Amino acid sequence: MIEVDKLVDAYISIRNERDNIAREHELKDRELVAQLEKLEVVMLEHCNEIQADSIKTKKGTIIKNLKENYVCGDWDNFKQYILENQALELLQQRISQTNFKEFLSTREDEGLPPGISTLRQFKISVRKPSNK
């Protein structure tokens, strides 16, 4: 017979160990990322000083790249622009799960919109006992 208490205890122990390992990894990774960022600043300053887009060395090549990101500060105006210009390709193609679920709850009798299907699967959650 399955001893459910032992299953739950083992599950929580493994999950806690994974959390500890992930936390340790995240701290170490943050330290390494910070070190890389400092080195990148020095290398960028050097490229700018000598007006170079790349520097080849025996150990590797430094390449100066321009990274561009676009940020929206006024979603209402931007959405209107997209609709007026039929420019849906400016947006990423993914469904906001929370908003879509709420949208469907107000239209239960209509069913799913065209092109949409539902993927449902059961998952197990395990909680620690409460401290009482």
C-alpha atoms as a PDB file:
ATOM      1  CA  MET A   1       0.000   0.000   0.000  1.00  0.00           C
ATOM      2  CA  ILE A   2       1.221   3.497  -0.828  1.00  0.00           C
ATOM      3  CA  GLU A   3       2.194   5.567   2.198  1.00  0.00           C
ATOM      4  CA  VAL A   4       1.020   8.999   1.134  1.00  0.00           C
ATOM      5  CA  ASP A   5       2.741  10.774   4.044  1.00  0.00           C
ATOM      6  CA  LYS A   6       6.104   9.460   2.845  1.00  0.00           C
ATOM      7  CA  LEU A   7       5.365  10.555  -0.736  1.00  0.00           C
ATOM      8  CA  VAL A   8       4.461  14.062   0.429  1.00  0.00           C
ATOM      9  CA  ASP A   9       7.496  14.258   2.722  1.00  0.00           C
ATOM     10  CA  ALA A  10       9.850  13.150  -0.070  1.00  0.00           C
ATOM     11  CA  TYR A  11       8.232  15.556  -2.518  1.00  0.00           C
ATOM     12  CA  ILE A  12       8.602  18.533  -0.181  1.00  0.00           C
ATOM     13  CA  SER A  13      12.213  17.590   0.669  1.00  0.00           C
ATOM     14  CA  ILE A  14      13.186  17.368  -2.998  1.00  0.00           C
ATOM     15  CA  ARG A  15      11.368  20.605  -3.836  1.00  0.00           C
ATOM     16  CA  ASN A  16      13.116  22.411  -0.945  1.00  0.00           C
ATOM     17  CA  GLU A  17      16.504  21.108  -2.081  1.00  0.00           C
ATOM     18  CA  ARG A  18      15.812  22.285  -5.650  1.00  0.00           C
ATOM     19  CA  ASP A  19      14.821  25.713  -4.273  1.00  0.00           C
ATOM     20  CA  ASN A  20      18.070  25.919  -2.289  1.00  0.00           C
ATOM     21  CA  ILE A  21      20.167  24.921  -5.294  1.00  0.00           C
ATOM     22  CA  ALA A  22      18.307  27.406  -7.523  1.00  0.00           C
ATOM     23  CA  ARG A  23      18.807  30.214  -4.983  1.00  0.00           C
ATOM     24  CA  GLU A  24      22.534  29.462  -4.689  1.00  0.00           C
ATOM     25  CA  HIS A  25      22.842  29.287  -8.472  1.00  0.00           C
ATOM     26  CA  GLU A  26      20.948  32.561  -8.903  1.00  0.00           C
ATOM     27  CA  LEU A  27      23.221  34.373  -6.430  1.00  0.00           C
ATOM     28  CA  LYS A  28      26.389  33.062  -8.080  1.00  0.00           C
ATOM     29  CA  ASP A  29      24.991  33.820 -11.535  1.00  0.00           C
ATOM     30  CA  ARG A  30      24.160  37.418 -10.499  1.00  0.00           C
ATOM     31  CA  GLU A  31      27.755  37.859  -9.325  1.00  0.00           C
ATOM     32  CA  LEU A  32      29.104  36.541 -12.631  1.00  0.00           C
ATOM     33  CA  VAL A  33      26.701  38.683 -14.674  1.00  0.00           C
ATOM     34  CA  ALA A  34      27.815  41.767 -12.710  1.00  0.00           C
ATOM     35  CA  GLN A  35      31.472  40.923 -13.444  1.00  0.00           C
ATOM     36  CA  LEU A  36      30.709  40.474 -17.153  1.00  0.00           C
ATOM     37  CA  GLU A  37      28.861  43.804 -17.258  1.00  0.00           C
ATOM     38  CA  LYS A  38      31.868  45.589 -15.724  1.00  0.00           C
ATOM     39  CA  LEU A  39      34.175  44.040 -18.297  1.00  0.00           C
ATOM     40  CA  GLU A  40      31.777  44.987 -21.114  1.00  0.00           C
ATOM     41  CA  VAL A  41      31.792  48.625 -19.951  1.00  0.00           C
ATOM     42  CA  VAL A  42      35.602  48.708 -20.042  1.00  0.00           C
ATOM     43  CA  MET A  43      35.699  47.064 -23.482  1.00  0.00           C
ATOM     44  CA  LEU A  44      33.049  49.446 -24.865  1.00  0.00           C
ATOM     45  CA  GLU A  45      34.964  52.437 -23.514  1.00  0.00           C
ATOM     46  CA  HIS A  46      38.120  51.097 -25.177  1.00  0.00           C
ATOM     47  CA  CYS A  47      36.329  50.604 -28.516  1.00  0.00           C
ATOM     48  CA  ASN A  48      35.005  54.156 -28.295  1.00  0.00           C
ATOM     49  CA  GLU A  49      38.428  55.570 -27.407  1.00  0.00           C
ATOM     50  CA  ILE A  50      40.107  54.007 -30.421  1.00  0.00           C
ATOM     51  CA  GLN A  51      37.006  54.384 -32.626  1.00  0.00           C
ATOM     52  CA  ALA A  52      36.801  50.678 -33.402  1.00  0.00           C
ATOM     53  CA  ASP A  53      33.775  48.478 -34.104  1.00  0.00           C
ATOM     54  CA  SER A  54      35.815  45.360 -33.367  1.00  0.00           C
ATOM     55  CA  ILE A  55      39.139  44.439 -31.807  1.00  0.00           C
ATOM     56  CA  LYS A  56      40.793  41.119 -32.641  1.00  0.00           C
ATOM     57  CA  THR A  57      43.072  39.563 -30.030  1.00  0.00           C
ATOM     58  CA  LYS A  58      44.786  36.194 -29.602  1.00  0.00           C
ATOM     59  CA  LYS A  59      42.127  35.245 -27.032  1.00  0.00           C
ATOM     60  CA  GLY A  60      39.080  36.374 -29.014  1.00  0.00           C
ATOM     61  CA  THR A  61      37.397  39.261 -30.777  1.00  0.00           C
ATOM     62  CA  ILE A  62      35.507  42.151 -29.194  1.00  0.00           C
ATOM     63  CA  ILE A  63      32.597  43.266 -31.356  1.00  0.00           C
ATOM     64  CA  LYS A  64      30.728  46.508 -30.659  1.00  0.00           C
ATOM     65  CA  ASN A  65      27.021  46.066 -31.454  1.00  0.00           C
ATOM     66  CA  LEU A  66      24.076  48.425 -31.295  1.00  0.00           C
ATOM     67  CA  LYS A  67      21.042  46.911 -29.566  1.00  0.00           C
ATOM     68  CA  GLU A  68      17.724  48.645 -30.105  1.00  0.00           C
ATOM     69  CA  ASN A  69      14.569  48.064 -28.074  1.00  0.00           C
ATOM     70  CA  TYR A  70      11.272  49.820 -28.571  1.00  0.00           C
ATOM     71  CA  VAL A  71       9.198  50.771 -25.541  1.00  0.00           C
ATOM     72  CA  CYS A  72       5.578  51.883 -25.446  1.00  0.00           C
ATOM     73  CA  GLY A  73       4.642  54.653 -23.041  1.00  0.00           C
ATOM     74  CA  ASP A  74       1.029  55.074 -24.203  1.00  0.00           C
ATOM     75  CA  TRP A  75      -0.688  51.780 -25.017  1.00  0.00           C
ATOM     76  CA  ASP A  76      -4.062  53.345 -25.808  1.00  0.00           C
ATOM     77  CA  ASN A  77      -2.606  55.547 -28.551  1.00  0.00           C
ATOM     78  CA  PHE A  78      -0.408  52.745 -29.851  1.00  0.00           C
ATOM     79  CA  LYS A  79      -3.332  50.294 -30.031  1.00  0.00           C
ATOM     80  CA  GLN A  80      -5.328  52.897 -31.943  1.00  0.00           C
ATOM     81  CA  TYR A  81      -2.396  53.362 -34.352  1.00  0.00           C
ATOM     82  CA  ILE A  82      -2.179  49.588 -34.884  1.00  0.00           C
ATOM     83  CA  LEU A  83      -5.904  49.351 -35.636  1.00  0.00           C
ATOM     84  CA  GLU A  84      -5.890  52.362 -37.976  1.00  0.00           C
ATOM     85  CA  ASN A  85      -2.895  51.035 -39.907  1.00  0.00           C
ATOM     86  CA  GLN A  86      -3.879  47.352 -39.759  1.00  0.00           C
ATOM     87  CA  ALA A  87      -0.414  46.670 -38.328  1.00  0.00           C
ATOM     88  CA  LEU A  88      -1.030  43.680 -36.050  1.00  0.00           C
ATOM     89  CA  GLU A  89       2.424  42.355 -37.017  1.00  0.00           C
ATOM     90  CA  LEU A  90       3.894  44.961 -34.640  1.00  0.00           C
ATOM     91  CA  LEU A  91       2.676  42.864 -31.717  1.00  0.00           C
ATOM     92  CA  GLN A  92       3.860  39.474 -30.479  1.00  0.00           C
ATOM     93  CA  GLN A  93       1.546  36.590 -31.230  1.00  0.00           C
ATOM     94  CA  ARG A  94       0.545  35.129 -27.903  1.00  0.00           C
ATOM     95  CA  ILE A  95      -2.602  35.055 -25.851  1.00  0.00           C
ATOM     96  CA  SER A  96      -2.831  36.670 -22.432  1.00  0.00           C
ATOM     97  CA  GLN A  97      -4.121  33.651 -20.530  1.00  0.00           C
ATOM     98  CA  THR A  98      -5.711  35.660 -17.703  1.00  0.00           C
ATOM     99  CA  ASN A  99      -7.408  38.188 -19.978  1.00  0.00           C
ATOM    100  CA  PHE A 100      -8.588  35.494 -22.385  1.00  0.00           C
ATOM    101  CA  LYS A 101     -10.100  33.413 -19.575  1.00  0.00           C
ATOM    102  CA  GLU A 102     -11.967  36.501 -18.344  1.00  0.00           C
ATOM    103  CA  PHE A 103     -13.087  37.316 -21.901  1.00  0.00           C
ATOM    104  CA  LEU A 104     -14.466  33.787 -22.347  1.00  0.00           C
ATOM    105  CA  SER A 105     -16.287  33.868 -19.014  1.00  0.00           C
ATOM    106  CA  THR A 106     -18.474  36.707 -20.320  1.00  0.00           C
ATOM    107  CA  ARG A 107     -19.244  34.801 -23.557  1.00  0.00           C
ATOM    108  CA  GLU A 108     -19.731  31.211 -22.403  1.00  0.00           C
ATOM    109  CA  ASP A 109     -22.565  30.563 -24.880  1.00  0.00           C
ATOM    110  CA  GLU A 110     -20.433  31.617 -27.898  1.00  0.00           C
ATOM    111  CA  GLY A 111     -17.712  28.991 -27.501  1.00  0.00           C
ATOM    112  CA  LEU A 112     -14.105  29.509 -28.515  1.00  0.00           C
ATOM    113  CA  PRO A 113     -13.167  32.048 -31.198  1.00  0.00           C
ATOM    114  CA  PRO A 114     -11.935  30.668 -34.553  1.00  0.00           C
ATOM    115  CA  GLY A 115      -8.416  29.265 -34.499  1.00  0.00           C
ATOM    116  CA  ILE A 116      -8.377  28.739 -30.726  1.00  0.00           C
ATOM    117  CA  SER A 117      -8.241  25.394 -28.952  1.00  0.00           C
ATOM    118  CA  THR A 118      -7.883  24.500 -25.299  1.00  0.00           C
ATOM    119  CA  LEU A 119      -5.148  22.399 -23.741  1.00  0.00           C
ATOM    120  CA  ARG A 120      -6.096  21.106 -20.308  1.00  0.00           C
ATOM    121  CA  GLN A 121      -4.125  18.830 -18.048  1.00  0.00           C
ATOM    122  CA  PHE A 122      -4.244  17.918 -14.389  1.00  0.00           C
ATOM    123  CA  LYS A 123      -1.254  18.823 -12.243  1.00  0.00           C
ATOM    124  CA  ILE A 124      -0.373  17.976  -8.652  1.00  0.00           C
ATOM    125  CA  SER A 125       0.370  20.663  -6.066  1.00  0.00           C
ATOM    126  CA  VAL A 126       1.840  19.868  -2.679  1.00  0.00           C
ATOM    127  CA  ARG A 127       1.741  22.284   0.248  1.00  0.00           C
ATOM    128  CA  LYS A 128       3.622  22.156   3.492  1.00  0.00           C
ATOM    129  CA  PRO A 129       1.476  21.735   6.589  1.00  0.00           C
ATOM    130  CA  SER A 130       0.431  25.049   8.127  1.00  0.00           C
ATOM    131  CA  ASN A 131       2.113  26.073  11.363  1.00  0.00           C
ATOM    132  CA  LYS A 132      -0.678  26.024  13.929  1.00  0.00           C
END
